[in-house]
Amino acid sequence: MAGKSKESVKAMALLREELLKWLCIKHATNSTLSRATLKDTAFDFIRTMNLR
């Protein structure tokens, strides 16, 4: 991570944390999960957090 800024690293850590929370909720409620759903949710979080 030598080339990444501290803000970028913090943003990615926050994104991972939010995705894990979302995944845990989906699993706990026996909701259907797929890679496509996870990918779409990740992109939604990225847009919400203004990371791109």
PDB file of N, CA and C in Angstrom:
ATOM      1  N   MET A   1       0.814  -1.192   0.000  1.00  0.00           N
ATOM      2  CA  MET A   1       0.000   0.000   0.000  1.00  0.00           C
ATOM      3  C   MET A   1       0.856   1.255   0.000  1.00  0.00           C
ATOM      4  N   ALA A   2       2.029   1.166  -0.510  1.00  0.00           N
ATOM      5  CA  ALA A   2       2.955   2.289  -0.477  1.00  0.00           C
ATOM      6  C   ALA A   2       2.453   3.467  -1.295  1.00  0.00           C
ATOM      7  N   GLY A   3       1.740   3.212  -2.391  1.00  0.00           N
ATOM      8  CA  GLY A   3       1.299   4.288  -3.259  1.00  0.00           C
ATOM      9  C   GLY A   3      -0.058   4.867  -2.904  1.00  0.00           C
ATOM     10  N   LYS A   4      -0.731   4.323  -1.925  1.00  0.00           N
ATOM     11  CA  LYS A   4      -2.082   4.779  -1.593  1.00  0.00           C
ATOM     12  C   LYS A   4      -2.049   5.773  -0.448  1.00  0.00           C
ATOM     13  N   SER A   5      -2.953   6.741  -0.527  1.00  0.00           N
ATOM     14  CA  SER A   5      -3.029   7.733   0.538  1.00  0.00           C
ATOM     15  C   SER A   5      -3.749   7.149   1.753  1.00  0.00           C
ATOM     16  N   LYS A   6      -3.575   7.800   2.883  1.00  0.00           N
ATOM     17  CA  LYS A   6      -4.228   7.337   4.112  1.00  0.00           C
ATOM     18  C   LYS A   6      -5.743   7.392   3.971  1.00  0.00           C
ATOM     19  N   GLU A   7      -6.245   8.425   3.278  1.00  0.00           N
ATOM     20  CA  GLU A   7      -7.691   8.560   3.091  1.00  0.00           C
ATOM     21  C   GLU A   7      -8.240   7.400   2.268  1.00  0.00           C
ATOM     22  N   SER A   8      -7.495   7.009   1.247  1.00  0.00           N
ATOM     23  CA  SER A   8      -7.919   5.903   0.395  1.00  0.00           C
ATOM     24  C   SER A   8      -7.953   4.597   1.177  1.00  0.00           C
ATOM     25  N   VAL A   9      -6.957   4.380   1.995  1.00  0.00           N
ATOM     26  CA  VAL A   9      -6.899   3.163   2.808  1.00  0.00           C
ATOM     27  C   VAL A   9      -8.049   3.147   3.809  1.00  0.00           C
ATOM     28  N   LYS A  10      -8.335   4.286   4.432  1.00  0.00           N
ATOM     29  CA  LYS A  10      -9.445   4.373   5.388  1.00  0.00           C
ATOM     30  C   LYS A  10     -10.778   4.141   4.687  1.00  0.00           C
ATOM     31  N   ALA A  11     -10.930   4.694   3.486  1.00  0.00           N
ATOM     32  CA  ALA A  11     -12.172   4.523   2.735  1.00  0.00           C
ATOM     33  C   ALA A  11     -12.388   3.055   2.377  1.00  0.00           C
ATOM     34  N   MET A  12     -11.331   2.368   1.976  1.00  0.00           N
ATOM     35  CA  MET A  12     -11.454   0.953   1.634  1.00  0.00           C
ATOM     36  C   MET A  12     -11.781   0.116   2.870  1.00  0.00           C
ATOM     37  N   ALA A  13     -11.205   0.464   4.005  1.00  0.00           N
ATOM     38  CA  ALA A  13     -11.510  -0.251   5.251  1.00  0.00           C
ATOM     39  C   ALA A  13     -12.975  -0.046   5.628  1.00  0.00           C
ATOM     40  N   LEU A  14     -13.468   1.170   5.465  1.00  0.00           N
ATOM     41  CA  LEU A  14     -14.869   1.461   5.753  1.00  0.00           C
ATOM     42  C   LEU A  14     -15.783   0.700   4.798  1.00  0.00           C
ATOM     43  N   LEU A  15     -15.407   0.645   3.539  1.00  0.00           N
ATOM     44  CA  LEU A  15     -16.193  -0.094   2.552  1.00  0.00           C
ATOM     45  C   LEU A  15     -16.253  -1.578   2.919  1.00  0.00           C
ATOM     46  N   ARG A  16     -15.126  -2.167   3.277  1.00  0.00           N
ATOM     47  CA  ARG A  16     -15.103  -3.577   3.686  1.00  0.00           C
ATOM     48  C   ARG A  16     -15.990  -3.807   4.905  1.00  0.00           C
ATOM     49  N   GLU A  17     -15.929  -2.892   5.864  1.00  0.00           N
ATOM     50  CA  GLU A  17     -16.741  -3.027   7.074  1.00  0.00           C
ATOM     51  C   GLU A  17     -18.230  -2.966   6.746  1.00  0.00           C
ATOM     52  N   GLU A  18     -18.621  -2.019   5.904  1.00  0.00           N
ATOM     53  CA  GLU A  18     -20.030  -1.885   5.531  1.00  0.00           C
ATOM     54  C   GLU A  18     -20.515  -3.108   4.750  1.00  0.00           C
ATOM     55  N   LEU A  19     -19.679  -3.621   3.856  1.00  0.00           N
ATOM     56  CA  LEU A  19     -20.059  -4.821   3.109  1.00  0.00           C
ATOM     57  C   LEU A  19     -20.202  -6.025   4.033  1.00  0.00           C
ATOM     58  N   LEU A  20     -19.328  -6.138   5.012  1.00  0.00           N
ATOM     59  CA  LEU A  20     -19.425  -7.245   5.966  1.00  0.00           C
ATOM     60  C   LEU A  20     -20.712  -7.142   6.781  1.00  0.00           C
ATOM     61  N   LYS A  21     -21.062  -5.940   7.226  1.00  0.00           N
ATOM     62  CA  LYS A  21     -22.322  -5.751   7.963  1.00  0.00           C
ATOM     63  C   LYS A  21     -23.510  -6.168   7.103  1.00  0.00           C
ATOM     64  N   TRP A  22     -23.507  -5.709   5.843  1.00  0.00           N
ATOM     65  CA  TRP A  22     -24.592  -6.029   4.924  1.00  0.00           C
ATOM     66  C   TRP A  22     -24.686  -7.542   4.726  1.00  0.00           C
ATOM     67  N   LEU A  23     -23.536  -8.180   4.529  1.00  0.00           N
ATOM     68  CA  LEU A  23     -23.496  -9.621   4.306  1.00  0.00           C
ATOM     69  C   LEU A  23     -24.002 -10.386   5.528  1.00  0.00           C
ATOM     70  N   CYS A  24     -23.622  -9.952   6.709  1.00  0.00           N
ATOM     71  CA  CYS A  24     -24.077 -10.607   7.946  1.00  0.00           C
ATOM     72  C   CYS A  24     -25.589 -10.493   8.102  1.00  0.00           C
ATOM     73  N   ILE A  25     -26.133  -9.326   7.794  1.00  0.00           N
ATOM     74  CA  ILE A  25     -27.583  -9.129   7.884  1.00  0.00           C
ATOM     75  C   ILE A  25     -28.299 -10.030   6.884  1.00  0.00           C
ATOM     76  N   LYS A  26     -27.792 -10.078   5.660  1.00  0.00           N
ATOM     77  CA  LYS A  26     -28.403 -10.932   4.637  1.00  0.00           C
ATOM     78  C   LYS A  26     -28.355 -12.398   5.061  1.00  0.00           C
ATOM     79  N   HIS A  27     -27.239 -12.825   5.599  1.00  0.00           N
ATOM     80  CA  HIS A  27     -27.093 -14.216   6.031  1.00  0.00           C
ATOM     81  C   HIS A  27     -28.022 -14.520   7.210  1.00  0.00           C
ATOM     82  N   ALA A  28     -28.089 -13.611   8.160  1.00  0.00           N
ATOM     83  CA  ALA A  28     -28.907 -13.825   9.361  1.00  0.00           C
ATOM     84  C   ALA A  28     -30.397 -13.893   9.033  1.00  0.00           C
ATOM     85  N   THR A  29     -30.811 -13.199   7.981  1.00  0.00           N
ATOM     86  CA  THR A  29     -32.227 -13.188   7.616  1.00  0.00           C
ATOM     87  C   THR A  29     -32.549 -14.206   6.525  1.00  0.00           C
ATOM     88  N   ASN A  30     -31.593 -15.086   6.236  1.00  0.00           N
ATOM     89  CA  ASN A  30     -31.767 -16.125   5.213  1.00  0.00           C
ATOM     90  C   ASN A  30     -32.162 -15.561   3.854  1.00  0.00           C
ATOM     91  N   SER A  31     -31.654 -14.384   3.526  1.00  0.00           N
ATOM     92  CA  SER A  31     -31.903 -13.791   2.216  1.00  0.00           C
ATOM     93  C   SER A  31     -31.013 -14.460   1.179  1.00  0.00           C
ATOM     94  N   THR A  32     -31.460 -14.392  -0.059  1.00  0.00           N
ATOM     95  CA  THR A  32     -30.648 -14.986  -1.118  1.00  0.00           C
ATOM     96  C   THR A  32     -29.405 -14.140  -1.360  1.00  0.00           C
ATOM     97  N   LEU A  33     -28.297 -14.816  -1.562  1.00  0.00           N
ATOM     98  CA  LEU A  33     -27.027 -14.145  -1.824  1.00  0.00           C
ATOM     99  C   LEU A  33     -26.431 -14.684  -3.111  1.00  0.00           C
ATOM    100  N   SER A  34     -25.823 -13.801  -3.862  1.00  0.00           N
ATOM    101  CA  SER A  34     -25.096 -14.213  -5.057  1.00  0.00           C
ATOM    102  C   SER A  34     -23.934 -13.250  -5.251  1.00  0.00           C
ATOM    103  N   ARG A  35     -23.001 -13.654  -6.064  1.00  0.00           N
ATOM    104  CA  ARG A  35     -21.860 -12.776  -6.341  1.00  0.00           C
ATOM    105  C   ARG A  35     -22.322 -11.494  -7.021  1.00  0.00           C
ATOM    106  N   ALA A  36     -23.310 -11.613  -7.898  1.00  0.00           N
ATOM    107  CA  ALA A  36     -23.819 -10.435  -8.605  1.00  0.00           C
ATOM    108  C   ALA A  36     -24.447  -9.445  -7.625  1.00  0.00           C
ATOM    109  N   THR A  37     -25.202  -9.955  -6.654  1.00  0.00           N
ATOM    110  CA  THR A  37     -25.817  -9.092  -5.652  1.00  0.00           C
ATOM    111  C   THR A  37     -24.753  -8.410  -4.802  1.00  0.00           C
ATOM    112  N   LEU A  38     -23.746  -9.159  -4.405  1.00  0.00           N
ATOM    113  CA  LEU A  38     -22.650  -8.592  -3.618  1.00  0.00           C
ATOM    114  C   LEU A  38     -21.920  -7.516  -4.414  1.00  0.00           C
ATOM    115  N   LYS A  39     -21.665  -7.784  -5.679  1.00  0.00           N
ATOM    116  CA  LYS A  39     -20.987  -6.812  -6.545  1.00  0.00           C
ATOM    117  C   LYS A  39     -21.821  -5.542  -6.687  1.00  0.00           C
ATOM    118  N   ASP A  40     -23.121  -5.691  -6.949  1.00  0.00           N
ATOM    119  CA  ASP A  40     -24.000  -4.528  -7.086  1.00  0.00           C
ATOM    120  C   ASP A  40     -24.046  -3.714  -5.799  1.00  0.00           C
ATOM    121  N   THR A  41     -24.106  -4.398  -4.671  1.00  0.00           N
ATOM    122  CA  THR A  41     -24.133  -3.712  -3.383  1.00  0.00           C
ATOM    123  C   THR A  41     -22.825  -2.974  -3.137  1.00  0.00           C
ATOM    124  N   ALA A  42     -21.713  -3.580  -3.492  1.00  0.00           N
ATOM    125  CA  ALA A  42     -20.412  -2.914  -3.341  1.00  0.00           C
ATOM    126  C   ALA A  42     -20.373  -1.637  -4.169  1.00  0.00           C
ATOM    127  N   PHE A  43     -20.849  -1.704  -5.412  1.00  0.00           N
ATOM    128  CA  PHE A  43     -20.871  -0.504  -6.249  1.00  0.00           C
ATOM    129  C   PHE A  43     -21.821   0.553  -5.682  1.00  0.00           C
ATOM    130  N   ASP A  44     -22.937   0.125  -5.097  1.00  0.00           N
ATOM    131  CA  ASP A  44     -23.853   1.075  -4.454  1.00  0.00           C
ATOM    132  C   ASP A  44     -23.165   1.786  -3.292  1.00  0.00           C
ATOM    133  N   PHE A  45     -22.441   1.036  -2.466  1.00  0.00           N
ATOM    134  CA  PHE A  45     -21.706   1.642  -1.353  1.00  0.00           C
ATOM    135  C   PHE A  45     -20.643   2.613  -1.866  1.00  0.00           C
ATOM    136  N   ILE A  46     -19.957   2.239  -2.940  1.00  0.00           N
ATOM    137  CA  ILE A  46     -18.931   3.119  -3.512  1.00  0.00           C
ATOM    138  C   ILE A  46     -19.554   4.434  -3.957  1.00  0.00           C
ATOM    139  N   ARG A  47     -20.699   4.343  -4.639  1.00  0.00           N
ATOM    140  CA  ARG A  47     -21.384   5.570  -5.080  1.00  0.00           C
ATOM    141  C   ARG A  47     -21.857   6.387  -3.882  1.00  0.00           C
ATOM    142  N   THR A  48     -22.401   5.721  -2.875  1.00  0.00           N
ATOM    143  CA  THR A  48     -22.904   6.406  -1.687  1.00  0.00           C
ATOM    144  C   THR A  48     -21.786   7.124  -0.939  1.00  0.00           C
ATOM    145  N   MET A  49     -20.617   6.504  -0.882  1.00  0.00           N
ATOM    146  CA  MET A  49     -19.483   7.082  -0.158  1.00  0.00           C
ATOM    147  C   MET A  49     -18.655   8.032  -1.021  1.00  0.00           C
ATOM    148  N   ASN A  50     -19.081   8.235  -2.267  1.00  0.00           N
ATOM    149  CA  ASN A  50     -18.365   9.114  -3.204  1.00  0.00           C
ATOM    150  C   ASN A  50     -16.903   8.719  -3.351  1.00  0.00           C
ATOM    151  N   LEU A  51     -16.646   7.426  -3.506  1.00  0.00           N
ATOM    152  CA  LEU A  51     -15.274   6.952  -3.648  1.00  0.00           C
ATOM    153  C   LEU A  51     -14.803   6.985  -5.093  1.00  0.00           C
ATOM    154  N   ARG A  52     -15.711   7.123  -6.028  1.00  0.00           N
ATOM    155  CA  ARG A  52     -15.332   7.208  -7.438  1.00  0.00           C
ATOM    156  C   ARG A  52     -15.802   8.483  -8.025  1.00  0.00           C
TER     157      ARG A  52
END
